[in-house]
Amino acid sequence: MDKASLQKLESVINTASTTGSATVEERYLNELRSAPNRWSIGLELFLSANSIVAKFFGLSLVRDYLGGARAEIPAENRLQIRQVIMNWIVSTGSNQSVPAYIENNIATVLVRSLKLDFPIEWPGAFTDVLALAKTDLLGVIIAVRVLIDLDAEVVCFD
């Protein structure tokens, strides 16, 4: 997606988030939520958008995409998502304040990646996640949230 298209999409997201009614923009975003390439659009939005609302929407597209069945999600897509998110955490670090809801979504993306790819396609998953804690405060926060979410979603039998 080119820069102009991303900016237009960001504008649509911002408009839809402020109107609160079933507008043309909201219908477009709902269609985007089911598009086959929503994960790549979501990653681009997350990385490039200026608006935190657009970043959140982009990350939610990625998160929801990873909620599908393993067989439906190509391994190369899962790998690219994982690499982009891990690199973003390391490169962002303490350089900017990250809202808790973004941290939560990042943790959910990594947990879903772990559930889909560990141990076959991501054998070093726990090493990679724990290595985040050595980078800076954001890395610590994300690593802890991933471990807590894994405990809640995978380990607990309540």
Protein backbone atom coordinates (compact mmCIF):
# COMPACT_ATOMS: atom_id res chain seq x y z
CA MET A 1 0.00 0.00 0.00
CA ASP A 2 1.47 3.35 -0.97
CA LYS A 3 1.89 6.29 1.39
CA ALA A 4 -1.11 8.22 0.00
CA SER A 5 -3.38 5.18 0.44
CA LEU A 6 -2.15 4.70 3.99
CA GLN A 7 -2.83 8.35 4.80
CA LYS A 8 -6.34 8.08 3.34
CA LEU A 9 -6.98 4.93 5.36
CA GLU A 10 -5.73 6.66 8.50
CA SER A 11 -8.13 9.53 7.80
CA VAL A 12 -11.00 7.06 7.36
CA ILE A 13 -10.13 5.40 10.68
CA ASN A 14 -9.97 8.71 12.50
CA THR A 15 -13.31 9.81 11.02
CA ALA A 16 -14.99 6.51 11.90
CA SER A 17 -13.67 6.62 15.46
CA THR A 18 -15.14 10.07 16.08
CA THR A 19 -18.57 9.75 14.44
CA GLY A 20 -19.83 6.66 16.25
CA SER A 21 -22.49 5.87 13.63
CA ALA A 22 -22.73 3.43 10.73
CA THR A 23 -21.01 5.66 8.21
CA VAL A 24 -19.46 4.84 4.88
CA GLU A 25 -16.08 4.88 6.63
CA GLU A 26 -17.21 2.37 9.22
CA ARG A 27 -18.58 0.04 6.56
CA TYR A 28 -15.26 0.25 4.70
CA LEU A 29 -13.35 -0.63 7.87
CA ASN A 30 -15.65 -3.58 8.50
CA GLU A 31 -14.91 -4.87 4.99
CA LEU A 32 -11.22 -4.42 5.63
CA ARG A 33 -11.48 -6.56 8.77
CA SER A 34 -12.31 -9.57 6.61
CA ALA A 35 -9.96 -8.88 3.69
CA PRO A 36 -7.39 -11.63 3.04
CA ASN A 37 -4.49 -9.13 3.11
CA ARG A 38 -5.68 -7.37 6.29
CA TRP A 39 -2.59 -8.48 8.16
CA SER A 40 -0.20 -6.67 5.79
CA ILE A 41 -2.34 -3.53 5.75
CA GLY A 42 -2.50 -3.75 9.53
CA LEU A 43 1.27 -3.99 9.85
CA GLU A 44 1.76 -1.01 7.53
CA LEU A 45 -0.74 1.05 9.52
CA PHE A 46 0.84 0.06 12.81
CA LEU A 47 4.31 1.03 11.62
CA SER A 48 3.47 4.15 9.59
CA ALA A 49 0.36 5.86 10.93
CA ASN A 50 0.70 9.08 12.87
CA SER A 51 -2.57 8.61 14.74
CA ILE A 52 -2.55 6.24 17.71
CA VAL A 53 -6.12 5.23 16.79
CA ALA A 54 -4.93 4.14 13.34
CA LYS A 55 -1.95 2.30 14.85
CA PHE A 56 -4.34 0.49 17.21
CA PHE A 57 -6.68 -0.41 14.35
CA GLY A 58 -3.76 -1.74 12.30
CA LEU A 59 -2.53 -3.85 15.18
CA SER A 60 -6.06 -5.17 15.77
CA LEU A 61 -6.19 -6.32 12.12
CA VAL A 62 -3.00 -8.31 12.70
CA ARG A 63 -4.24 -9.67 16.05
CA ASP A 64 -7.55 -10.83 14.58
CA TYR A 65 -5.82 -12.38 11.56
CA LEU A 66 -3.70 -14.51 13.89
CA GLY A 67 -6.85 -15.70 15.64
CA GLY A 68 -7.65 -17.91 12.68
CA ALA A 69 -6.80 -21.57 12.24
CA ARG A 70 -3.11 -22.37 11.74
CA ALA A 71 -3.74 -24.04 8.39
CA GLU A 72 -5.38 -20.87 7.06
CA ILE A 73 -2.41 -18.61 7.80
CA PRO A 74 0.68 -19.12 5.62
CA ALA A 75 3.91 -19.67 7.55
CA GLU A 76 5.65 -16.80 5.74
CA ASN A 77 2.92 -14.38 6.87
CA ARG A 78 3.24 -15.52 10.48
CA LEU A 79 7.03 -15.16 10.30
CA GLN A 80 6.83 -11.67 8.83
CA ILE A 81 4.34 -10.56 11.49
CA ARG A 82 6.51 -11.94 14.27
CA GLN A 83 9.68 -10.34 12.91
CA VAL A 84 8.08 -6.93 12.37
CA ILE A 85 6.55 -6.84 15.85
CA MET A 86 9.73 -8.01 17.60
CA ASN A 87 11.84 -5.51 15.66
CA TRP A 88 9.39 -2.72 16.45
CA ILE A 89 9.61 -3.45 20.17
CA VAL A 90 13.41 -3.38 20.12
CA SER A 91 13.65 -0.28 17.93
CA THR A 92 10.95 1.68 19.73
CA GLY A 93 12.07 0.88 23.24
CA SER A 94 12.16 3.91 25.47
CA ASN A 95 12.12 6.32 22.52
CA GLN A 96 8.40 6.91 22.82
CA SER A 97 5.57 6.38 25.23
CA VAL A 98 3.39 3.43 24.28
CA PRO A 99 -0.20 3.31 25.59
CA ALA A 100 -1.17 0.24 27.60
CA TYR A 101 -3.78 -0.82 25.04
CA ILE A 102 -1.06 -0.98 22.36
CA GLU A 103 1.18 -2.99 24.70
CA ASN A 104 -1.72 -5.38 25.35
CA ASN A 105 -2.36 -5.87 21.65
CA ILE A 106 1.33 -6.45 20.95
CA ALA A 107 1.40 -9.07 23.70
CA THR A 108 -1.70 -10.73 22.22
CA VAL A 109 -0.10 -10.83 18.76
CA LEU A 110 2.99 -12.50 20.21
CA VAL A 111 0.93 -14.97 22.26
CA ARG A 112 -1.06 -15.94 19.19
CA SER A 113 2.19 -16.30 17.25
CA LEU A 114 3.54 -18.57 19.98
CA LYS A 115 0.38 -20.69 19.98
CA LEU A 116 0.56 -21.07 16.20
CA ASP A 117 4.31 -21.59 15.74
CA PHE A 118 5.89 -22.99 18.89
CA PRO A 119 7.78 -25.35 18.87
CA ILE A 120 7.91 -26.35 15.20
CA GLU A 121 8.39 -23.05 13.36
CA TRP A 122 9.53 -20.89 16.26
CA PRO A 123 11.64 -23.14 18.49
CA GLY A 124 13.40 -20.16 20.08
CA ALA A 125 10.15 -18.41 20.99
CA PHE A 126 10.75 -18.22 24.72
CA THR A 127 14.35 -17.21 24.27
CA ASP A 128 13.24 -14.43 21.92
CA VAL A 129 10.47 -13.21 24.23
CA LEU A 130 12.72 -13.25 27.29
CA ALA A 131 15.43 -11.42 25.32
CA LEU A 132 12.99 -8.53 24.98
CA ALA A 133 13.22 -8.04 28.74
CA LYS A 134 16.92 -7.25 28.37
CA THR A 135 16.32 -4.36 25.97
CA ASP A 136 14.48 -1.71 28.00
CA LEU A 137 11.29 -1.04 29.95
CA LEU A 138 8.98 -1.62 26.96
CA GLY A 139 10.67 -4.98 26.35
CA VAL A 140 10.18 -5.95 30.00
CA ILE A 141 6.52 -4.93 29.91
CA ILE A 142 5.83 -6.88 26.71
CA ALA A 143 7.73 -9.98 27.90
CA VAL A 144 5.82 -10.04 31.19
CA ARG A 145 2.46 -9.51 29.47
CA VAL A 146 3.20 -12.33 27.03
CA LEU A 147 4.02 -14.70 29.88
CA ILE A 148 0.91 -13.69 31.85
CA ASP A 149 -1.31 -14.07 28.76
CA LEU A 150 0.21 -17.46 27.96
CA ASP A 151 -0.49 -18.60 31.49
CA ALA A 152 -4.09 -17.42 31.21
CA GLU A 153 -4.76 -18.79 27.71
CA VAL A 154 -2.67 -21.94 27.58
CA VAL A 155 -1.64 -23.14 31.02
CA CYS A 156 -4.59 -22.39 33.34
CA PHE A 157 -7.30 -24.99 33.43
CA ASP A 158 -9.92 -22.94 35.30
